Amino acid sequence: MAELQREKLIELFTTMVRCRQFEEKVLDLFSQGYIPGFIHTSIGQEAIAVGVCSNLRQSDKVFLTHRGHSQAIAKGIDVKRAMAELFGKKVGFCKGKSGSMHVADVSIGVMGATGIVGAGIPVATGSAFAAQYRGLDLVTVCFFGDGAVNQGTFHETLNMASLWKLPIVYCCENNGWAQFSPQKLTTSVIDVATRASAYNMPGITVDGDDVIAVYQAARETIERARNGDGPTLLECKTHRWFGHFVGDPQNYRSKEEIEECRKFDPIVKLETKLIEEKALTPKAVEEIRGNARVEIEEAIEFAKESLEPQSEETLEDVFCERRA
């Protein structure tokens, strides 16, 4: 534990627990009919969001994936208003209009997501270009899945970002599945990061179930971007515990494979390390979990008690007001 201080490791563990408990509750609430629309969870992939975002400043920007709850929480979004947004309530960050996939809070750099595979990559790159053009000391991180690396936007954008040495980190959450298709049937390379060589930028592959490995790799890539040395493709290999969306029966996967994924739990992995090295006691671990439960339950009550938007507000914030 020499490379990372005890306090930082406990902070990483605590944030992962908060992310996990938020999504477990969201999954349950969606099944009960409290949350409209579709839900995509990142349960089991928390180490990536937490490891990356723990290196960012509040002014830095993150562009989420369609399973971006943990990314938003790790960047510092308020869980009460985030939960209210998922409930479709007026007090939510987007007045209840965003749904699960598009939650955003631009005041802390959570820029939301797009449901179109790979479409967030050029938009995030525009953010990095704007920062460079305006001389702002900020970094953009763009999260996406392995399916996005086969889109034309991925290749065109990384080429441009490398040419202009933009301050951006492209973070691929590679859980091995592009919706319902395994990576071996969709992608010509084993490691997505090897594609970075085509654009003359570093490509790094790390264990996405190890929050320490992710944190250290992300720190290096973010510092590189901030120092003006250009973009990096950071691939974090992980496991998808559930289907593409909540309710997906996963008939395309064996039960054995699904059960195998649970053995790569990033929270258990760090918890074991912290206890073995006497950084935390089992009692302290349970206290962290208990605090997270209280916080999430308070967020649920806040969401349930918040006002619904009125029907006449439907078209508000849809069209830009005409300016003279």
C-alpha atoms as a PDB file:
ATOM      1  CA  MET A   1       0.000   0.000   0.000  1.00  0.00           C
ATOM      2  CA  ALA A   2       3.105   2.145  -0.274  1.00  0.00           C
ATOM      3  CA  GLU A   3       2.268   3.809  -3.589  1.00  0.00           C
ATOM      4  CA  LEU A   4      -1.186   5.001  -2.526  1.00  0.00           C
ATOM      5  CA  GLN A   5      -1.841   6.411   0.912  1.00  0.00           C
ATOM      6  CA  ARG A   6      -4.308   4.672   3.224  1.00  0.00           C
ATOM      7  CA  GLU A   7      -6.699   7.635   3.099  1.00  0.00           C
ATOM      8  CA  LYS A   8      -6.887   7.538  -0.703  1.00  0.00           C
ATOM      9  CA  LEU A   9      -7.567   3.799  -0.748  1.00  0.00           C
ATOM     10  CA  ILE A  10     -10.381   4.196   1.796  1.00  0.00           C
ATOM     11  CA  GLU A  11     -11.783   7.047  -0.303  1.00  0.00           C
ATOM     12  CA  LEU A  12     -11.759   4.830  -3.425  1.00  0.00           C
ATOM     13  CA  PHE A  13     -13.445   2.002  -1.522  1.00  0.00           C
ATOM     14  CA  THR A  14     -16.093   4.294  -0.049  1.00  0.00           C
ATOM     15  CA  THR A  15     -16.994   5.768  -3.435  1.00  0.00           C
ATOM     16  CA  MET A  16     -17.253   2.336  -5.050  1.00  0.00           C
ATOM     17  CA  VAL A  17     -19.610   1.227  -2.283  1.00  0.00           C
ATOM     18  CA  ARG A  18     -21.776   4.323  -2.826  1.00  0.00           C
ATOM     19  CA  CYS A  19     -21.905   3.615  -6.573  1.00  0.00           C
ATOM     20  CA  ARG A  20     -22.809  -0.045  -6.037  1.00  0.00           C
ATOM     21  CA  GLN A  21     -25.564   0.663  -3.536  1.00  0.00           C
ATOM     22  CA  PHE A  22     -27.032   3.420  -5.708  1.00  0.00           C
ATOM     23  CA  GLU A  23     -27.322   1.089  -8.683  1.00  0.00           C
ATOM     24  CA  GLU A  24     -28.597  -1.872  -6.697  1.00  0.00           C
ATOM     25  CA  LYS A  25     -31.407   0.345  -5.392  1.00  0.00           C
ATOM     26  CA  VAL A  26     -32.067   1.763  -8.855  1.00  0.00           C
ATOM     27  CA  LEU A  27     -32.361  -1.760 -10.245  1.00  0.00           C
ATOM     28  CA  ASP A  28     -34.882  -2.652  -7.544  1.00  0.00           C
ATOM     29  CA  LEU A  29     -36.857   0.595  -7.904  1.00  0.00           C
ATOM     30  CA  PHE A  30     -37.060   0.201 -11.670  1.00  0.00           C
ATOM     31  CA  SER A  31     -38.429  -3.320 -11.233  1.00  0.00           C
ATOM     32  CA  GLN A  32     -41.088  -1.886  -8.876  1.00  0.00           C
ATOM     33  CA  GLY A  33     -42.154   0.679 -11.484  1.00  0.00           C
ATOM     34  CA  TYR A  34     -40.868   3.809  -9.762  1.00  0.00           C
ATOM     35  CA  ILE A  35     -38.428   4.698 -12.560  1.00  0.00           C
ATOM     36  CA  PRO A  36     -39.667   5.170 -16.148  1.00  0.00           C
ATOM     37  CA  GLY A  37     -37.767   4.418 -19.334  1.00  0.00           C
ATOM     38  CA  PHE A  38     -34.801   2.068 -19.568  1.00  0.00           C
ATOM     39  CA  ILE A  39     -32.011   1.356 -17.083  1.00  0.00           C
ATOM     40  CA  HIS A  40     -28.485   0.142 -17.823  1.00  0.00           C
ATOM     41  CA  THR A  41     -26.353  -0.668 -14.769  1.00  0.00           C
ATOM     42  CA  SER A  42     -22.583  -0.797 -14.346  1.00  0.00           C
ATOM     43  CA  ILE A  43     -22.658  -3.044 -11.278  1.00  0.00           C
ATOM     44  CA  GLY A  44     -19.287  -4.784 -11.110  1.00  0.00           C
ATOM     45  CA  GLN A  45     -17.557  -2.071 -13.147  1.00  0.00           C
ATOM     46  CA  GLU A  46     -17.278   0.583 -10.416  1.00  0.00           C
ATOM     47  CA  ALA A  47     -13.466   0.488 -10.285  1.00  0.00           C
ATOM     48  CA  ILE A  48     -13.207   2.185 -13.679  1.00  0.00           C
ATOM     49  CA  ALA A  49     -15.419   5.171 -12.938  1.00  0.00           C
ATOM     50  CA  VAL A  50     -13.958   5.660  -9.468  1.00  0.00           C
ATOM     51  CA  GLY A  51     -10.339   5.067 -10.448  1.00  0.00           C
ATOM     52  CA  VAL A  52     -10.526   7.568 -13.297  1.00  0.00           C
ATOM     53  CA  CYS A  53     -12.683  10.300 -11.770  1.00  0.00           C
ATOM     54  CA  SER A  54     -10.738  10.347  -8.496  1.00  0.00           C
ATOM     55  CA  ASN A  55      -7.905  11.958 -10.466  1.00  0.00           C
ATOM     56  CA  LEU A  56     -10.042  14.774 -11.872  1.00  0.00           C
ATOM     57  CA  ARG A  57     -10.670  18.318 -10.714  1.00  0.00           C
ATOM     58  CA  GLN A  58     -14.201  19.703 -10.478  1.00  0.00           C
ATOM     59  CA  SER A  59     -13.543  21.863 -13.549  1.00  0.00           C
ATOM     60  CA  ASP A  60     -12.578  18.834 -15.656  1.00  0.00           C
ATOM     61  CA  LYS A  61     -15.241  17.366 -17.945  1.00  0.00           C
ATOM     62  CA  VAL A  62     -16.557  13.819 -18.196  1.00  0.00           C
ATOM     63  CA  PHE A  63     -18.788  12.420 -20.928  1.00  0.00           C
ATOM     64  CA  LEU A  64     -20.665   9.361 -19.703  1.00  0.00           C
ATOM     65  CA  THR A  65     -21.716   6.084 -21.250  1.00  0.00           C
ATOM     66  CA  HIS A  66     -25.318   4.827 -21.335  1.00  0.00           C
ATOM     67  CA  ARG A  67     -24.472   2.998 -18.084  1.00  0.00           C
ATOM     68  CA  GLY A  68     -23.032   6.104 -16.470  1.00  0.00           C
ATOM     69  CA  HIS A  69     -24.483   6.300 -12.953  1.00  0.00           C
ATOM     70  CA  SER A  70     -21.178   5.370 -11.306  1.00  0.00           C
ATOM     71  CA  GLN A  71     -19.248   7.780 -13.518  1.00  0.00           C
ATOM     72  CA  ALA A  72     -21.511  10.649 -12.460  1.00  0.00           C
ATOM     73  CA  ILE A  73     -21.341   9.731  -8.768  1.00  0.00           C
ATOM     74  CA  ALA A  74     -17.563   9.351  -8.882  1.00  0.00           C
ATOM     75  CA  LYS A  75     -17.312  12.827 -10.412  1.00  0.00           C
ATOM     76  CA  GLY A  76     -19.318  14.221  -7.509  1.00  0.00           C
ATOM     77  CA  ILE A  77     -22.934  14.503  -8.645  1.00  0.00           C
ATOM     78  CA  ASP A  78     -25.489  14.951  -5.864  1.00  0.00           C
ATOM     79  CA  VAL A  79     -27.208  11.581  -5.387  1.00  0.00           C
ATOM     80  CA  LYS A  80     -30.496  13.082  -4.196  1.00  0.00           C
ATOM     81  CA  ARG A  81     -31.040  15.148  -7.325  1.00  0.00           C
ATOM     82  CA  ALA A  82     -29.678  12.316  -9.475  1.00  0.00           C
ATOM     83  CA  MET A  83     -32.232   9.929  -7.998  1.00  0.00           C
ATOM     84  CA  ALA A  84     -34.968  12.524  -8.482  1.00  0.00           C
ATOM     85  CA  GLU A  85     -33.959  12.821 -12.121  1.00  0.00           C
ATOM     86  CA  LEU A  86     -34.327   9.079 -12.608  1.00  0.00           C
ATOM     87  CA  PHE A  87     -37.777   9.297 -11.000  1.00  0.00           C
ATOM     88  CA  GLY A  88     -38.696  11.972 -13.562  1.00  0.00           C
ATOM     89  CA  LYS A  89     -39.091  14.686 -10.922  1.00  0.00           C
ATOM     90  CA  LYS A  90     -38.869  18.428 -11.514  1.00  0.00           C
ATOM     91  CA  VAL A  91     -36.056  18.952  -8.998  1.00  0.00           C
ATOM     92  CA  GLY A  92     -33.794  16.590 -10.945  1.00  0.00           C
ATOM     93  CA  PHE A  93     -30.752  17.976 -12.721  1.00  0.00           C
ATOM     94  CA  CYS A  94     -32.557  18.000 -16.068  1.00  0.00           C
ATOM     95  CA  LYS A  95     -36.026  18.665 -14.612  1.00  0.00           C
ATOM     96  CA  GLY A  96     -36.901  14.991 -14.889  1.00  0.00           C
ATOM     97  CA  LYS A  97     -36.486  14.894 -18.665  1.00  0.00           C
ATOM     98  CA  SER A  98     -33.160  13.114 -19.097  1.00  0.00           C
ATOM     99  CA  GLY A  99     -33.894   9.576 -18.029  1.00  0.00           C
ATOM    100  CA  SER A 100     -31.135   7.304 -16.780  1.00  0.00           C
ATOM    101  CA  MET A 101     -28.837   7.693 -19.776  1.00  0.00           C
ATOM    102  CA  HIS A 102     -28.635  11.473 -19.957  1.00  0.00           C
ATOM    103  CA  VAL A 103     -28.202  12.709 -16.379  1.00  0.00           C
ATOM    104  CA  ALA A 104     -25.926  15.765 -16.361  1.00  0.00           C
ATOM    105  CA  ASP A 105     -24.641  18.461 -14.035  1.00  0.00           C
ATOM    106  CA  VAL A 106     -22.438  20.813 -16.034  1.00  0.00           C
ATOM    107  CA  SER A 107     -21.540  22.788 -12.895  1.00  0.00           C
ATOM    108  CA  ILE A 108     -19.237  19.943 -11.843  1.00  0.00           C
ATOM    109  CA  GLY A 109     -18.294  18.792 -15.336  1.00  0.00           C
ATOM    110  CA  VAL A 110     -20.771  15.913 -15.700  1.00  0.00           C
ATOM    111  CA  MET A 111     -21.728  16.496 -19.322  1.00  0.00           C
ATOM    112  CA  GLY A 112     -24.195  13.654 -19.784  1.00  0.00           C
ATOM    113  CA  ALA A 113     -24.257  10.940 -22.397  1.00  0.00           C
ATOM    114  CA  THR A 114     -25.774   9.976 -25.699  1.00  0.00           C
ATOM    115  CA  GLY A 115     -27.624   6.739 -26.375  1.00  0.00           C
ATOM    116  CA  ILE A 116     -26.033   6.422 -29.828  1.00  0.00           C
ATOM    117  CA  VAL A 117     -22.998   4.127 -29.744  1.00  0.00           C
ATOM    118  CA  GLY A 118     -19.800   6.132 -30.210  1.00  0.00           C
ATOM    119  CA  ALA A 119     -21.597   9.461 -30.642  1.00  0.00           C
ATOM    120  CA  GLY A 120     -20.159  10.913 -27.451  1.00  0.00           C
ATOM    121  CA  ILE A 121     -16.573  10.599 -28.689  1.00  0.00           C
ATOM    122  CA  PRO A 122     -16.564  13.566 -31.126  1.00  0.00           C
ATOM    123  CA  VAL A 123     -18.617  15.710 -28.732  1.00  0.00           C
ATOM    124  CA  ALA A 124     -16.129  15.106 -25.915  1.00  0.00           C
ATOM    125  CA  THR A 125     -13.310  15.909 -28.308  1.00  0.00           C
ATOM    126  CA  GLY A 126     -15.008  19.221 -29.042  1.00  0.00           C
ATOM    127  CA  SER A 127     -14.868  19.917 -25.310  1.00  0.00           C
ATOM    128  CA  ALA A 128     -11.132  19.241 -25.299  1.00  0.00           C
ATOM    129  CA  PHE A 129     -10.612  21.456 -28.346  1.00  0.00           C
ATOM    130  CA  ALA A 130     -12.559  24.291 -26.687  1.00  0.00           C
ATOM    131  CA  ALA A 131     -10.390  24.040 -23.573  1.00  0.00           C
ATOM    132  CA  GLN A 132      -7.200  24.149 -25.632  1.00  0.00           C
ATOM    133  CA  TYR A 133      -8.440  26.987 -27.834  1.00  0.00           C
ATOM    134  CA  ARG A 134      -9.501  29.083 -24.841  1.00  0.00           C
ATOM    135  CA  GLY A 135      -6.361  28.320 -22.856  1.00  0.00           C
ATOM    136  CA  LEU A 136      -8.238  26.609 -20.026  1.00  0.00           C
ATOM    137  CA  ASP A 137      -6.415  24.283 -17.665  1.00  0.00           C
ATOM    138  CA  LEU A 138      -8.845  21.400 -17.834  1.00  0.00           C
ATOM    139  CA  VAL A 139      -8.963  17.831 -19.107  1.00  0.00           C
ATOM    140  CA  THR A 140     -11.847  15.964 -20.721  1.00  0.00           C
ATOM    141  CA  VAL A 141     -12.453  12.247 -20.159  1.00  0.00           C
ATOM    142  CA  CYS A 142     -14.676  10.378 -22.590  1.00  0.00           C
ATOM    143  CA  PHE A 143     -16.072   7.028 -21.435  1.00  0.00           C
ATOM    144  CA  PHE A 144     -17.367   4.479 -23.957  1.00  0.00           C
ATOM    145  CA  GLY A 145     -17.740   0.733 -24.383  1.00  0.00           C
ATOM    146  CA  ASP A 146     -15.856  -1.681 -26.604  1.00  0.00           C
ATOM    147  CA  GLY A 147     -18.648  -1.579 -29.191  1.00  0.00           C
ATOM    148  CA  ALA A 148     -17.888   2.090 -29.875  1.00  0.00           C
ATOM    149  CA  VAL A 149     -14.374   1.383 -31.146  1.00  0.00           C
ATOM    150  CA  ASN A 150     -15.823  -0.061 -34.354  1.00  0.00           C
ATOM    151  CA  GLN A 151     -17.651   3.150 -35.220  1.00  0.00           C
ATOM    152  CA  GLY A 152     -16.197   5.565 -37.737  1.00  0.00           C
ATOM    153  CA  THR A 153     -16.452   8.400 -35.224  1.00  0.00           C
ATOM    154  CA  PHE A 154     -13.883   6.653 -33.021  1.00  0.00           C
ATOM    155  CA  HIS A 155     -11.234   6.496 -35.734  1.00  0.00           C
ATOM    156  CA  GLU A 156     -11.832   9.929 -37.224  1.00  0.00           C
ATOM    157  CA  THR A 157     -11.870  11.622 -33.842  1.00  0.00           C
ATOM    158  CA  LEU A 158      -8.793   9.960 -32.352  1.00  0.00           C
ATOM    159  CA  ASN A 159      -6.842  10.878 -35.473  1.00  0.00           C
ATOM    160  CA  MET A 160      -7.875  14.534 -35.098  1.00  0.00           C
ATOM    161  CA  ALA A 161      -7.203  14.615 -31.352  1.00  0.00           C
ATOM    162  CA  SER A 162      -3.708  13.243 -31.871  1.00  0.00           C
ATOM    163  CA  LEU A 163      -2.908  15.736 -34.631  1.00  0.00           C
ATOM    164  CA  TRP A 164      -3.929  18.647 -32.415  1.00  0.00           C
ATOM    165  CA  LYS A 165      -2.595  17.162 -29.140  1.00  0.00           C
ATOM    166  CA  LEU A 166      -5.906  17.759 -27.402  1.00  0.00           C
ATOM    167  CA  PRO A 167      -6.216  17.407 -23.595  1.00  0.00           C
ATOM    168  CA  ILE A 168      -8.447  14.342 -23.537  1.00  0.00           C
ATOM    169  CA  VAL A 169      -8.406  10.764 -22.253  1.00  0.00           C
ATOM    170  CA  TYR A 170     -10.435   8.194 -24.177  1.00  0.00           C
ATOM    171  CA  CYS A 171     -11.474   5.579 -21.613  1.00  0.00           C
ATOM    172  CA  CYS A 172     -12.852   2.333 -23.027  1.00  0.00           C
ATOM    173  CA  GLU A 173     -14.833   0.305 -20.491  1.00  0.00           C
ATOM    174  CA  ASN A 174     -14.297  -3.039 -22.169  1.00  0.00           C
ATOM    175  CA  ASN A 175     -16.690  -5.524 -20.588  1.00  0.00           C
ATOM    176  CA  GLY A 176     -16.455  -7.842 -23.583  1.00  0.00           C
ATOM    177  CA  TRP A 177     -19.972  -7.209 -24.859  1.00  0.00           C
ATOM    178  CA  ALA A 178     -21.333  -4.818 -27.463  1.00  0.00           C
ATOM    179  CA  GLN A 179     -24.990  -5.039 -26.481  1.00  0.00           C
ATOM    180  CA  PHE A 180     -25.675  -8.731 -27.208  1.00  0.00           C
ATOM    181  CA  SER A 181     -22.503  -9.559 -29.199  1.00  0.00           C
ATOM    182  CA  PRO A 182     -19.213 -10.813 -27.701  1.00  0.00           C
ATOM    183  CA  GLN A 183     -16.067  -8.884 -28.579  1.00  0.00           C
ATOM    184  CA  LYS A 184     -14.549 -11.826 -30.450  1.00  0.00           C
ATOM    185  CA  LEU A 185     -17.340 -11.561 -33.046  1.00  0.00           C
ATOM    186  CA  THR A 186     -17.147  -7.782 -33.499  1.00  0.00           C
ATOM    187  CA  THR A 187     -13.563  -6.615 -33.039  1.00  0.00           C
ATOM    188  CA  SER A 188     -10.429  -7.656 -34.923  1.00  0.00           C
ATOM    189  CA  VAL A 189      -8.008  -7.048 -32.026  1.00  0.00           C
ATOM    190  CA  ILE A 190      -7.838  -8.574 -28.564  1.00  0.00           C
ATOM    191  CA  ASP A 191      -6.744  -5.359 -26.863  1.00  0.00           C
ATOM    192  CA  VAL A 192      -8.608  -2.239 -27.973  1.00  0.00           C
ATOM    193  CA  ALA A 193      -5.659  -0.109 -26.787  1.00  0.00           C
ATOM    194  CA  THR A 194      -3.474  -1.440 -29.628  1.00  0.00           C
ATOM    195  CA  ARG A 195      -5.515   0.695 -32.031  1.00  0.00           C
ATOM    196  CA  ALA A 196      -3.947   3.804 -30.481  1.00  0.00           C
ATOM    197  CA  SER A 197      -0.742   3.121 -32.413  1.00  0.00           C
ATOM    198  CA  ALA A 198      -2.549   3.987 -35.652  1.00  0.00           C
ATOM    199  CA  TYR A 199      -3.040   7.519 -34.346  1.00  0.00           C
ATOM    200  CA  ASN A 200       0.404   8.012 -32.786  1.00  0.00           C
ATOM    201  CA  MET A 201      -0.902   8.156 -29.234  1.00  0.00           C
ATOM    202  CA  PRO A 202      -0.227   5.936 -26.210  1.00  0.00           C
ATOM    203  CA  GLY A 203      -2.524   2.982 -25.668  1.00  0.00           C
ATOM    204  CA  ILE A 204      -2.734   1.429 -22.201  1.00  0.00           C
ATOM    205  CA  THR A 205      -4.611  -1.715 -21.144  1.00  0.00           C
ATOM    206  CA  VAL A 206      -5.275  -2.279 -17.434  1.00  0.00           C
ATOM    207  CA  ASP A 207      -7.295  -4.582 -15.213  1.00  0.00           C
ATOM    208  CA  GLY A 208     -10.578  -2.694 -14.939  1.00  0.00           C
ATOM    209  CA  ASP A 209     -11.551  -4.720 -11.864  1.00  0.00           C
ATOM    210  CA  ASP A 210      -8.559  -3.352  -9.925  1.00  0.00           C
ATOM    211  CA  VAL A 211      -9.292   0.207  -8.814  1.00  0.00           C
ATOM    212  CA  ILE A 212      -5.654   0.808  -7.859  1.00  0.00           C
ATOM    213  CA  ALA A 213      -4.429  -0.156 -11.336  1.00  0.00           C
ATOM    214  CA  VAL A 214      -7.084   2.054 -12.933  1.00  0.00           C
ATOM    215  CA  TYR A 215      -6.306   4.977 -10.623  1.00  0.00           C
ATOM    216  CA  GLN A 216      -2.584   4.851 -11.350  1.00  0.00           C
ATOM    217  CA  ALA A 217      -3.012   4.504 -15.118  1.00  0.00           C
ATOM    218  CA  ALA A 218      -5.609   7.290 -15.197  1.00  0.00           C
ATOM    219  CA  ARG A 219      -3.366   9.578 -13.158  1.00  0.00           C
ATOM    220  CA  GLU A 220      -0.613   9.151 -15.747  1.00  0.00           C
ATOM    221  CA  THR A 221      -2.886   9.766 -18.732  1.00  0.00           C
ATOM    222  CA  ILE A 222      -4.655  12.765 -17.156  1.00  0.00           C
ATOM    223  CA  GLU A 223      -1.356  14.403 -16.217  1.00  0.00           C
ATOM    224  CA  ARG A 224      -0.124  13.820 -19.746  1.00  0.00           C
ATOM    225  CA  ALA A 225      -3.185  15.532 -21.185  1.00  0.00           C
ATOM    226  CA  ARG A 226      -2.989  18.418 -18.730  1.00  0.00           C
ATOM    227  CA  ASN A 227       0.689  18.982 -19.539  1.00  0.00           C
ATOM    228  CA  GLY A 228      -0.053  19.452 -23.239  1.00  0.00           C
ATOM    229  CA  ASP A 229       1.255  16.073 -24.396  1.00  0.00           C
ATOM    230  CA  GLY A 230      -1.987  15.036 -26.048  1.00  0.00           C
ATOM    231  CA  PRO A 231      -4.548  12.241 -25.757  1.00  0.00           C
ATOM    232  CA  THR A 232      -4.312   8.648 -24.545  1.00  0.00           C
ATOM    233  CA  LEU A 233      -6.484   5.603 -25.195  1.00  0.00           C
ATOM    234  CA  LEU A 234      -7.012   3.903 -21.834  1.00  0.00           C
ATOM    235  CA  GLU A 235      -8.634   0.469 -22.018  1.00  0.00           C
ATOM    236  CA  CYS A 236     -10.021  -0.960 -18.774  1.00  0.00           C
ATOM    237  CA  LYS A 237     -10.982  -4.625 -19.112  1.00  0.00           C
ATOM    238  CA  THR A 238     -13.850  -5.611 -16.876  1.00  0.00           C
ATOM    239  CA  HIS A 239     -16.903  -7.890 -16.654  1.00  0.00           C
ATOM    240  CA  ARG A 240     -20.586  -7.215 -17.275  1.00  0.00           C
ATOM    241  CA  TRP A 241     -22.575  -8.789 -14.472  1.00  0.00           C
ATOM    242  CA  PHE A 242     -26.042  -8.183 -15.919  1.00  0.00           C
ATOM    243  CA  GLY A 243     -27.590  -7.943 -19.349  1.00  0.00           C
ATOM    244  CA  HIS A 244     -27.383  -5.039 -21.738  1.00  0.00           C
ATOM    245  CA  PHE A 245     -30.399  -3.479 -19.984  1.00  0.00           C
ATOM    246  CA  VAL A 246     -32.401  -4.284 -16.862  1.00  0.00           C
ATOM    247  CA  GLY A 247     -34.773  -7.042 -17.905  1.00  0.00           C
ATOM    248  CA  ASP A 248     -32.485  -8.529 -20.567  1.00  0.00           C
ATOM    249  CA  PRO A 249     -32.852 -12.334 -20.129  1.00  0.00           C
ATOM    250  CA  GLN A 250     -29.307 -12.908 -21.451  1.00  0.00           C
ATOM    251  CA  ASN A 251     -30.241 -15.979 -23.463  1.00  0.00           C
ATOM    252  CA  TYR A 252     -26.998 -15.474 -25.408  1.00  0.00           C
ATOM    253  CA  ARG A 253     -24.831 -16.260 -22.326  1.00  0.00           C
ATOM    254  CA  SER A 254     -24.478 -19.392 -20.250  1.00  0.00           C
ATOM    255  CA  LYS A 255     -25.357 -19.323 -16.551  1.00  0.00           C
ATOM    256  CA  GLU A 256     -21.805 -20.457 -15.789  1.00  0.00           C
ATOM    257  CA  GLU A 257     -20.333 -17.451 -17.564  1.00  0.00           C
ATOM    258  CA  ILE A 258     -22.646 -15.040 -15.753  1.00  0.00           C
ATOM    259  CA  GLU A 259     -21.729 -16.577 -12.393  1.00  0.00           C
ATOM    260  CA  GLU A 260     -18.023 -16.454 -13.273  1.00  0.00           C
ATOM    261  CA  CYS A 261     -18.207 -12.666 -13.710  1.00  0.00           C
ATOM    262  CA  ARG A 262     -19.136 -12.237 -10.041  1.00  0.00           C
ATOM    263  CA  LYS A 263     -15.729 -13.569  -8.998  1.00  0.00           C
ATOM    264  CA  PHE A 264     -14.101 -10.358 -10.272  1.00  0.00           C
ATOM    265  CA  ASP A 265     -15.756  -7.995  -7.800  1.00  0.00           C
ATOM    266  CA  PRO A 266     -13.627  -4.820  -7.531  1.00  0.00           C
ATOM    267  CA  ILE A 267     -15.152  -3.885  -4.175  1.00  0.00           C
ATOM    268  CA  VAL A 268     -14.387  -7.250  -2.574  1.00  0.00           C
ATOM    269  CA  LYS A 269     -10.905  -7.122  -4.046  1.00  0.00           C
ATOM    270  CA  LEU A 270     -10.067  -3.786  -2.420  1.00  0.00           C
ATOM    271  CA  GLU A 271     -11.910  -4.642   0.799  1.00  0.00           C
ATOM    272  CA  THR A 272      -9.799  -7.774   1.197  1.00  0.00           C
ATOM    273  CA  LYS A 273      -6.615  -5.768   0.667  1.00  0.00           C
ATOM    274  CA  LEU A 274      -7.605  -3.082   3.148  1.00  0.00           C
ATOM    275  CA  ILE A 275      -8.450  -5.608   5.862  1.00  0.00           C
ATOM    276  CA  GLU A 276      -5.359  -7.759   5.252  1.00  0.00           C
ATOM    277  CA  GLU A 277      -3.114  -4.706   5.506  1.00  0.00           C
ATOM    278  CA  LYS A 278      -5.021  -3.469   8.581  1.00  0.00           C
ATOM    279  CA  ALA A 279      -6.075  -0.218   6.928  1.00  0.00           C
ATOM    280  CA  LEU A 280      -9.685  -1.035   7.819  1.00  0.00           C
ATOM    281  CA  THR A 281     -11.376  -3.396  10.249  1.00  0.00           C
ATOM    282  CA  PRO A 282     -14.442  -5.442   9.288  1.00  0.00           C
ATOM    283  CA  LYS A 283     -16.436  -3.161  11.614  1.00  0.00           C
ATOM    284  CA  ALA A 284     -15.179  -0.063   9.766  1.00  0.00           C
ATOM    285  CA  VAL A 285     -16.121  -1.658   6.435  1.00  0.00           C
ATOM    286  CA  GLU A 286     -19.653  -2.282   7.664  1.00  0.00           C
ATOM    287  CA  GLU A 287     -19.851   1.312   8.870  1.00  0.00           C
ATOM    288  CA  ILE A 288     -18.951   2.547   5.388  1.00  0.00           C
ATOM    289  CA  ARG A 289     -21.625   0.323   3.881  1.00  0.00           C
ATOM    290  CA  GLY A 290     -24.137   1.490   6.474  1.00  0.00           C
ATOM    291  CA  ASN A 291     -23.447   5.150   5.758  1.00  0.00           C
ATOM    292  CA  ALA A 292     -23.950   4.515   2.066  1.00  0.00           C
ATOM    293  CA  ARG A 293     -27.268   2.760   2.719  1.00  0.00           C
ATOM    294  CA  VAL A 294     -28.509   5.715   4.752  1.00  0.00           C
ATOM    295  CA  GLU A 295     -27.449   8.185   2.043  1.00  0.00           C
ATOM    296  CA  ILE A 296     -29.166   6.229  -0.729  1.00  0.00           C
ATOM    297  CA  GLU A 297     -32.349   5.714   1.291  1.00  0.00           C
ATOM    298  CA  GLU A 298     -32.481   9.465   1.938  1.00  0.00           C
ATOM    299  CA  ALA A 299     -32.083  10.057  -1.796  1.00  0.00           C
ATOM    300  CA  ILE A 300     -34.981   7.695  -2.516  1.00  0.00           C
ATOM    301  CA  GLU A 301     -37.256   9.460  -0.048  1.00  0.00           C
ATOM    302  CA  PHE A 302     -36.238  12.807  -1.512  1.00  0.00           C
ATOM    303  CA  ALA A 303     -37.124  11.575  -4.996  1.00  0.00           C
ATOM    304  CA  LYS A 304     -40.456  10.096  -3.940  1.00  0.00           C
ATOM    305  CA  GLU A 305     -41.515  13.286  -2.154  1.00  0.00           C
ATOM    306  CA  SER A 306     -40.419  15.683  -4.932  1.00  0.00           C
ATOM    307  CA  LEU A 307     -42.899  17.321  -7.293  1.00  0.00           C
ATOM    308  CA  GLU A 308     -43.765  15.982 -10.716  1.00  0.00           C
ATOM    309  CA  PRO A 309     -43.223  18.368 -13.653  1.00  0.00           C
ATOM    310  CA  GLN A 310     -46.376  19.920 -15.108  1.00  0.00           C
ATOM    311  CA  SER A 311     -47.661  18.959 -18.555  1.00  0.00           C
ATOM    312  CA  GLU A 312     -47.269  22.543 -19.817  1.00  0.00           C
ATOM    313  CA  GLU A 313     -43.506  22.254 -19.163  1.00  0.00           C
ATOM    314  CA  THR A 314     -43.105  19.481 -21.717  1.00  0.00           C
ATOM    315  CA  LEU A 315     -41.583  21.630 -24.460  1.00  0.00           C
ATOM    316  CA  GLU A 316     -39.543  23.852 -22.166  1.00  0.00           C
ATOM    317  CA  ASP A 317     -35.757  23.542 -22.686  1.00  0.00           C
ATOM    318  CA  VAL A 318     -36.299  21.728 -25.976  1.00  0.00           C
ATOM    319  CA  PHE A 319     -35.835  24.630 -28.355  1.00  0.00           C
ATOM    320  CA  CYS A 320     -33.230  27.365 -28.070  1.00  0.00           C
ATOM    321  CA  GLU A 321     -34.706  30.816 -27.572  1.00  0.00           C
ATOM    322  CA  ARG A 322     -34.214  33.115 -30.561  1.00  0.00           C
ATOM    323  CA  ARG A 323     -31.688  35.855 -29.887  1.00  0.00           C
ATOM    324  CA  ALA A 324     -31.481  39.248 -31.568  1.00  0.00           C
END
